[in-house]
Amino acid sequence: MALGLTRFFSSLNKDTQASPDKVVGIDFGSSSVKVVEIMNKNNVLTLQTYGELQLGPYADADLGSVTQLVQSKRTEALVDVLRESKVTARNAVMTLPLATSFVTVFSVNAKKGEDLNPRIRVESRKYIPVPMNDVTLDWQELPALGQAPESVREVLVVAVLNTTQAETQGVMQSVNMSAQPTEIELFSTLRALTKDSDESVAMVDLGAQTSKLYIANQGMVRKIHRVFAGGAQATQRISTLLQIPYEEAENRKRNYTQDDASAADIKKTVVTTFERPFQEFKRVLSEYELKTGTPVTRLVITGGTASFADMHSYASYMFDRDVTRANAFDKLAYPAFMEDKLESIAPIFSTAVGAALRQFEVTT
């Protein structure tokens, strides 16, 4: 697997004429699979189609449930979402969940100009809790930030389980798709949501199982922090509070309106589920800014629960700074009548959009 860290924010294919006209980004989350197909029409990247399919039923579980599907069921779910979304592209970029990989930034004491390569694998053993023979490793040195001494050099290290790589390749082969190198979800998310004007940006990804904070400076990941709390936990709390089945609680959360008889309880339950993650992320963000002397100029919330009504305002309150709700479709052309719909669901599809954009490498 070619992780290609040095190319996460540069074109995979320098010969643009050799690039396919259509690419589908595939995002297998912990509770659903999302696809977004993008087409290059006369050098204008255009949204062709998109779709989401809940994975719970493929594991005989409720909609919205966190699942761990075997490869055959993952393939079945992917076939179904591609068919129902009417995807026609044969080239695809599939993302890997952060949970199946190890991504970290650490410092190495080394002289300027010293080759770090022999030392990375040794140092990485301190951070990767599995045998090194079980992973594919890649790394990239990061530019210095703040007042760090010249002898302290920071590196971004990524390791992916070989079993995850083999399973991903197997799924793609099963659907007869030509796959580009796979990519860890956080890099796809950053590609979709980062703008050229961003000096330093933070993304808060509110997933079904885990909430994640990514901080990037000039397009390079500098900090990652995870908290095990997400949308599925909010659904379980609604189910318990209202004494309704989990699936009904999930539907009422996803289709929340102020007209719901239990609107106040649902809203309070959802937003307070993320109180602890937001508090932790605020602390990590402040520590990063203090350490590097580099202020984060933009904070974006993304992921499924970012689509929940009022989550944006609650995040702004908790972080005590302006927060933007993700709109990954901003980088694509689409019919004007779809604008309201796409804005409402855009946070759900950020990772899938970013994966598809990898082939075209576009920023705004």
Protein backbone atom coordinates (compact mmCIF):
# COMPACT_ATOMS: atom_id res chain seq x y z
CA MET A 1 0.00 0.00 0.00
CA ALA A 2 1.43 3.36 -1.00
CA LEU A 3 0.47 5.73 1.77
CA GLY A 4 2.40 8.51 0.07
CA LEU A 5 2.59 10.89 3.01
CA THR A 6 4.66 13.34 0.99
CA ARG A 7 1.80 13.46 -1.51
CA PHE A 8 -1.23 13.79 0.73
CA PHE A 9 -1.70 17.37 -0.45
CA SER A 10 -0.20 17.11 -3.93
CA SER A 11 -1.30 15.41 -7.11
CA LEU A 12 -1.06 11.64 -7.23
CA ASN A 13 -0.96 11.76 -11.00
CA LYS A 14 1.21 14.48 -12.49
CA ASP A 15 -0.08 13.76 -15.96
CA THR A 16 -3.58 15.18 -15.57
CA GLN A 17 -4.62 13.97 -19.00
CA ALA A 18 -4.06 10.42 -17.77
CA SER A 19 -6.36 10.93 -14.80
CA PRO A 20 -9.81 9.32 -14.97
CA ASP A 21 -12.73 11.66 -15.62
CA LYS A 22 -14.77 10.11 -12.81
CA VAL A 23 -13.75 8.99 -9.33
CA VAL A 24 -15.79 7.74 -6.39
CA GLY A 25 -14.69 8.36 -2.82
CA ILE A 26 -15.67 5.62 -0.38
CA ASP A 27 -15.87 6.18 3.37
CA PHE A 28 -16.58 3.15 5.58
CA GLY A 29 -17.47 4.56 8.97
CA SER A 30 -18.35 2.64 12.11
CA SER A 31 -22.11 2.87 11.47
CA SER A 32 -22.55 3.68 7.76
CA VAL A 33 -20.81 3.68 4.39
CA LYS A 34 -20.79 6.86 2.31
CA VAL A 35 -19.95 7.31 -1.38
CA VAL A 36 -19.45 10.46 -3.45
CA GLU A 37 -18.81 10.40 -7.19
CA ILE A 38 -17.06 13.37 -8.81
CA MET A 39 -16.64 14.00 -12.53
CA ASN A 40 -14.25 16.36 -14.28
CA LYS A 41 -16.40 18.18 -16.86
CA ASN A 42 -14.29 20.57 -18.94
CA ASN A 43 -11.98 21.14 -15.96
CA VAL A 44 -14.89 21.76 -13.60
CA LEU A 45 -15.23 19.22 -10.79
CA THR A 46 -18.89 18.30 -10.69
CA LEU A 47 -20.89 16.27 -8.20
CA GLN A 48 -22.41 13.31 -10.00
CA THR A 49 -24.05 11.38 -7.19
CA TYR A 50 -23.76 10.49 -3.52
CA GLY A 51 -25.26 8.03 -1.09
CA GLU A 52 -25.19 6.66 2.44
CA LEU A 53 -26.19 3.23 3.72
CA GLN A 54 -26.50 2.20 7.35
CA LEU A 55 -24.41 -0.85 8.28
CA GLY A 56 -26.43 -2.07 11.27
CA PRO A 57 -28.76 -4.33 9.25
CA TYR A 58 -25.76 -6.12 7.70
CA ALA A 59 -24.83 -7.24 11.22
CA ASP A 60 -28.44 -7.96 12.26
CA ALA A 61 -28.34 -4.82 14.39
CA ASP A 62 -30.36 -1.61 14.56
CA LEU A 63 -29.92 1.35 12.24
CA GLY A 64 -27.22 3.64 13.55
CA SER A 65 -25.49 0.88 15.51
CA VAL A 66 -21.70 0.68 15.58
CA THR A 67 -20.68 -2.44 13.70
CA GLN A 68 -17.62 -4.51 12.83
CA LEU A 69 -18.52 -6.23 9.57
CA VAL A 70 -16.64 -9.16 8.10
CA GLN A 71 -15.20 -8.62 4.62
CA SER A 72 -18.07 -10.35 2.80
CA LYS A 73 -20.64 -8.12 4.51
CA ARG A 74 -18.57 -4.99 3.83
CA THR A 75 -18.51 -5.97 0.17
CA GLU A 76 -22.26 -6.56 0.19
CA ALA A 77 -22.91 -3.15 1.73
CA LEU A 78 -20.59 -1.44 -0.75
CA VAL A 79 -22.27 -3.14 -3.72
CA ASP A 80 -25.67 -2.01 -2.42
CA VAL A 81 -24.72 1.64 -1.84
CA LEU A 82 -22.98 1.89 -5.22
CA ARG A 83 -26.03 0.45 -6.94
CA GLU A 84 -28.58 2.55 -5.07
CA SER A 85 -26.53 5.71 -5.65
CA LYS A 86 -26.14 4.85 -9.36
CA VAL A 87 -22.36 5.24 -9.23
CA THR A 88 -20.76 4.55 -12.62
CA ALA A 89 -17.09 5.39 -11.93
CA ARG A 90 -14.68 2.46 -11.99
CA ASN A 91 -11.89 4.32 -10.20
CA ALA A 92 -12.17 4.66 -6.45
CA VAL A 93 -10.32 5.90 -3.39
CA MET A 94 -11.36 4.14 -0.19
CA THR A 95 -10.53 5.60 3.19
CA LEU A 96 -9.33 3.71 6.22
CA PRO A 97 -10.81 4.47 9.66
CA LEU A 98 -8.42 6.08 12.10
CA ALA A 99 -9.22 3.20 14.46
CA THR A 100 -7.48 0.71 12.15
CA SER A 101 -4.28 2.71 11.91
CA PHE A 102 -1.75 4.52 14.04
CA VAL A 103 -1.07 8.19 13.35
CA THR A 104 1.16 10.23 15.61
CA VAL A 105 3.49 13.20 15.67
CA PHE A 106 6.65 12.95 17.75
CA SER A 107 10.01 14.67 18.10
CA VAL A 108 13.43 13.25 17.29
CA ASN A 109 16.67 14.75 18.58
CA ALA A 110 18.87 14.93 15.49
CA LYS A 111 21.24 17.33 13.84
CA LYS A 112 20.05 19.43 10.94
CA GLY A 113 20.58 17.47 7.74
CA GLU A 114 20.92 14.13 9.51
CA ASP A 115 19.09 11.27 7.79
CA LEU A 116 16.16 10.32 10.02
CA ASN A 117 15.10 7.23 8.11
CA PRO A 118 17.16 4.68 10.12
CA ARG A 119 15.79 6.05 13.37
CA ILE A 120 12.10 6.36 12.55
CA ARG A 121 11.33 2.66 12.69
CA VAL A 122 13.11 2.32 16.04
CA GLU A 123 11.41 5.38 17.55
CA SER A 124 8.02 4.35 16.16
CA ARG A 125 8.02 1.20 18.28
CA LYS A 126 7.37 3.39 21.30
CA TYR A 127 4.06 4.57 19.81
CA ILE A 128 2.80 1.60 17.79
CA PRO A 129 1.41 -1.14 20.09
CA VAL A 130 1.77 -4.02 17.61
CA PRO A 131 4.79 -5.78 16.07
CA MET A 132 6.35 -3.67 13.32
CA ASN A 133 6.13 -6.60 10.90
CA ASP A 134 2.34 -6.37 11.19
CA VAL A 135 2.11 -2.85 9.79
CA THR A 136 3.02 -0.80 6.75
CA LEU A 137 4.89 2.29 7.91
CA ASP A 138 5.34 5.70 6.31
CA TRP A 139 6.54 9.03 7.69
CA GLN A 140 7.17 12.66 6.83
CA GLU A 141 9.22 15.35 8.53
CA LEU A 142 7.28 18.46 9.50
CA PRO A 143 8.48 22.07 9.29
CA ALA A 144 9.53 23.57 12.61
CA LEU A 145 6.94 25.60 14.52
CA GLY A 146 7.43 27.97 17.41
CA GLN A 147 10.77 28.26 19.19
CA ALA A 148 11.86 24.61 18.95
CA PRO A 149 15.66 24.12 18.88
CA GLU A 150 17.21 23.07 15.57
CA SER A 151 18.17 19.72 17.10
CA VAL A 152 14.49 18.87 17.73
CA ARG A 153 12.81 17.66 14.55
CA GLU A 154 9.14 16.69 14.38
CA VAL A 155 7.87 13.82 12.25
CA LEU A 156 4.42 12.59 11.31
CA VAL A 157 4.31 8.80 11.37
CA VAL A 158 1.55 6.62 9.93
CA ALA A 159 1.23 2.86 10.28
CA VAL A 160 -1.57 0.71 8.87
CA LEU A 161 -2.25 -2.87 9.84
CA ASN A 162 -1.37 -5.23 7.00
CA THR A 163 -4.58 -7.16 7.65
CA THR A 164 -6.58 -3.96 7.11
CA GLN A 165 -4.71 -3.31 3.88
CA ALA A 166 -5.43 -6.84 2.62
CA GLU A 167 -9.12 -6.62 3.52
CA THR A 168 -9.50 -3.26 1.80
CA GLN A 169 -7.86 -4.57 -1.35
CA GLY A 170 -10.12 -7.61 -1.21
CA VAL A 171 -13.27 -5.48 -0.98
CA MET A 172 -12.19 -3.33 -3.93
CA GLN A 173 -11.35 -6.37 -6.04
CA SER A 174 -14.74 -7.87 -5.22
CA VAL A 175 -16.54 -4.87 -6.74
CA ASN A 176 -14.17 -4.77 -9.76
CA MET A 177 -12.93 -1.27 -9.08
CA SER A 178 -9.56 0.19 -9.92
CA ALA A 179 -8.42 1.52 -6.57
CA GLN A 180 -6.01 4.37 -6.00
CA PRO A 181 -3.78 4.04 -2.92
CA THR A 182 -5.95 3.88 0.19
CA GLU A 183 -5.91 6.82 2.58
CA ILE A 184 -6.59 7.30 6.27
CA GLU A 185 -9.81 9.21 6.83
CA LEU A 186 -8.30 12.25 8.51
CA PHE A 187 -6.28 13.18 5.42
CA SER A 188 -9.35 12.94 3.21
CA THR A 189 -11.31 15.12 5.65
CA LEU A 190 -8.58 17.76 5.70
CA ARG A 191 -8.35 17.79 1.90
CA ALA A 192 -12.09 18.34 1.57
CA LEU A 193 -12.31 21.14 4.12
CA THR A 194 -8.97 22.96 4.03
CA LYS A 195 -8.77 26.23 2.11
CA ASP A 196 -5.75 27.90 0.54
CA SER A 197 -6.26 30.80 2.94
CA ASP A 198 -5.91 28.56 6.02
CA GLU A 199 -2.67 29.09 7.89
CA SER A 200 -3.62 26.81 10.76
CA VAL A 201 -6.95 25.00 10.91
CA ALA A 202 -8.66 22.55 13.27
CA MET A 203 -11.29 19.96 12.36
CA VAL A 204 -13.57 18.34 14.94
CA ASP A 205 -14.99 15.11 13.49
CA LEU A 206 -18.08 13.91 15.36
CA GLY A 207 -18.36 10.25 14.38
CA ALA A 208 -20.73 7.53 15.53
CA GLN A 209 -18.26 5.94 17.94
CA THR A 210 -15.42 8.43 18.34
CA SER A 211 -14.92 12.18 18.28
CA LYS A 212 -11.61 13.34 16.81
CA LEU A 213 -9.67 16.59 16.69
CA TYR A 214 -7.23 17.23 13.84
CA ILE A 215 -4.99 20.30 13.80
CA ALA A 216 -3.12 21.12 10.58
CA ASN A 217 -0.69 23.89 9.73
CA GLN A 218 -0.09 24.77 6.08
CA GLY A 219 -1.80 21.54 5.05
CA MET A 220 0.26 19.28 7.34
CA VAL A 221 -1.13 17.39 10.32
CA ARG A 222 0.37 18.62 13.60
CA LYS A 223 -1.91 17.19 16.28
CA ILE A 224 -4.51 14.42 16.66
CA HIS A 225 -6.68 13.76 19.70
CA ARG A 226 -9.47 11.22 20.11
CA VAL A 227 -12.27 10.82 22.65
CA PHE A 228 -14.47 7.73 22.70
CA ALA A 229 -17.84 9.45 22.58
CA GLY A 230 -20.03 9.87 19.53
CA GLY A 231 -23.43 9.85 17.91
CA ALA A 232 -24.20 6.24 18.84
CA GLN A 233 -23.78 7.11 22.51
CA ALA A 234 -26.20 10.01 22.08
CA THR A 235 -28.74 7.68 20.47
CA GLN A 236 -28.43 5.19 23.34
CA ARG A 237 -29.03 7.98 25.84
CA ILE A 238 -32.14 9.13 23.96
CA SER A 239 -33.39 5.55 23.88
CA THR A 240 -32.93 5.19 27.63
CA LEU A 241 -34.36 8.61 28.50
CA LEU A 242 -37.48 8.31 26.36
CA GLN A 243 -37.81 4.54 26.86
CA ILE A 244 -38.03 3.87 23.13
CA PRO A 245 -36.20 1.32 20.92
CA TYR A 246 -32.71 2.25 19.76
CA GLU A 247 -33.72 2.43 16.10
CA GLU A 248 -36.58 4.83 16.86
CA ALA A 249 -34.21 6.97 18.91
CA GLU A 250 -31.76 7.07 15.99
CA ASN A 251 -34.48 8.12 13.56
CA ARG A 252 -35.73 10.86 15.88
CA LYS A 253 -32.20 12.14 16.33
CA ARG A 254 -31.46 12.16 12.59
CA ASN A 255 -34.82 13.75 11.74
CA TYR A 256 -34.91 16.09 14.72
CA THR A 257 -37.15 19.16 14.53
CA GLN A 258 -38.45 21.52 17.18
CA ASP A 259 -41.91 20.11 16.52
CA ASP A 260 -40.95 16.78 18.12
CA ALA A 261 -42.84 16.28 21.37
CA SER A 262 -39.53 15.50 23.10
CA ALA A 263 -37.46 18.07 21.21
CA ALA A 264 -35.96 19.67 24.33
CA ASP A 265 -34.88 16.31 25.77
CA ILE A 266 -33.44 15.11 22.47
CA LYS A 267 -31.48 18.30 21.89
CA LYS A 268 -30.09 18.39 25.43
CA THR A 269 -29.10 14.73 25.28
CA VAL A 270 -27.28 15.05 21.96
CA VAL A 271 -25.32 18.21 22.70
CA THR A 272 -24.32 17.20 26.24
CA THR A 273 -22.97 13.90 24.92
CA PHE A 274 -20.21 16.00 23.37
CA GLU A 275 -19.56 18.19 26.40
CA ARG A 276 -16.54 16.15 27.54
CA PRO A 277 -15.02 15.80 24.03
CA PHE A 278 -15.38 19.54 23.44
CA GLN A 279 -13.79 20.35 26.79
CA GLU A 280 -10.84 18.07 26.01
CA PHE A 281 -10.47 19.45 22.50
CA LYS A 282 -10.53 23.02 23.79
CA ARG A 283 -7.71 22.18 26.20
CA VAL A 284 -5.63 20.45 23.49
CA LEU A 285 -6.22 23.36 21.12
CA SER A 286 -5.10 25.91 23.70
CA GLU A 287 -2.00 23.87 24.55
CA TYR A 288 -1.08 23.59 20.88
CA GLU A 289 -1.43 27.34 20.32
CA LEU A 290 0.61 28.11 23.44
CA LYS A 291 3.36 25.63 22.54
CA THR A 292 3.72 26.63 18.90
CA GLY A 293 2.83 30.30 19.13
CA THR A 294 0.60 29.67 16.10
CA PRO A 295 -3.09 30.55 16.51
CA VAL A 296 -5.67 28.31 14.89
CA THR A 297 -7.45 30.65 12.50
CA ARG A 298 -10.43 28.40 11.66
CA LEU A 299 -12.31 25.66 13.50
CA VAL A 300 -14.67 23.37 11.60
CA ILE A 301 -17.05 20.67 12.86
CA THR A 302 -17.75 17.73 10.59
CA GLY A 303 -19.04 14.17 10.79
CA GLY A 304 -22.57 12.85 11.10
CA THR A 305 -23.54 14.58 14.34
CA ALA A 306 -22.31 17.93 13.03
CA SER A 307 -25.52 17.89 10.95
CA PHE A 308 -27.64 17.91 14.11
CA ALA A 309 -29.55 21.16 14.60
CA ASP A 310 -27.83 23.61 16.96
CA MET A 311 -24.63 21.53 17.25
CA HIS A 312 -22.81 24.35 15.50
CA SER A 313 -23.92 26.96 18.05
CA TYR A 314 -23.21 24.60 20.96
CA ALA A 315 -19.68 23.99 19.65
CA SER A 316 -19.10 27.74 19.34
CA TYR A 317 -20.20 28.17 22.95
CA MET A 318 -18.02 25.33 24.25
CA PHE A 319 -14.89 26.38 22.35
CA ASP A 320 -15.52 30.07 22.99
CA ARG A 321 -14.57 30.90 19.40
CA ASP A 322 -16.16 30.98 15.96
CA VAL A 323 -16.96 27.52 14.64
CA THR A 324 -17.85 26.72 11.03
CA ARG A 325 -20.00 23.77 9.99
CA ALA A 326 -18.36 21.72 7.25
CA ASN A 327 -19.54 22.06 3.67
CA ALA A 328 -17.32 19.75 1.62
CA PHE A 329 -19.50 20.26 -1.45
CA ASP A 330 -18.18 23.83 -1.67
CA LYS A 331 -15.41 22.61 -3.97
CA LEU A 332 -17.80 21.04 -6.44
CA ALA A 333 -20.28 22.25 -9.03
CA TYR A 334 -23.88 21.08 -8.70
CA PRO A 335 -27.39 22.26 -9.67
CA ALA A 336 -28.55 25.30 -7.72
CA PHE A 337 -31.75 23.59 -6.57
CA MET A 338 -29.66 21.08 -4.58
CA GLU A 339 -27.88 23.72 -2.48
CA ASP A 340 -30.05 23.62 0.64
CA LYS A 341 -30.12 19.83 0.70
CA LEU A 342 -26.37 19.49 0.20
CA GLU A 343 -25.60 22.08 2.89
CA SER A 344 -27.67 20.14 5.39
CA ILE A 345 -25.92 16.81 4.76
CA ALA A 346 -22.43 18.04 3.82
CA PRO A 347 -20.74 17.18 7.16
CA ILE A 348 -21.71 13.53 6.68
CA PHE A 349 -19.86 13.32 3.36
CA SER A 350 -16.67 15.30 4.07
CA THR A 351 -14.42 12.23 4.14
CA ALA A 352 -15.89 10.65 1.01
CA VAL A 353 -15.59 13.95 -0.89
CA GLY A 354 -11.98 14.35 0.22
CA ALA A 355 -11.15 10.83 -0.88
CA ALA A 356 -12.51 11.46 -4.38
CA LEU A 357 -10.72 14.82 -4.54
CA ARG A 358 -7.40 13.08 -4.01
CA GLN A 359 -7.35 12.18 -7.69
CA PHE A 360 -7.94 15.79 -8.70
CA GLU A 361 -6.18 17.55 -5.82
CA VAL A 362 -8.22 20.73 -5.54
CA THR A 363 -8.14 23.39 -2.85
CA THR A 364 -9.95 26.70 -2.64
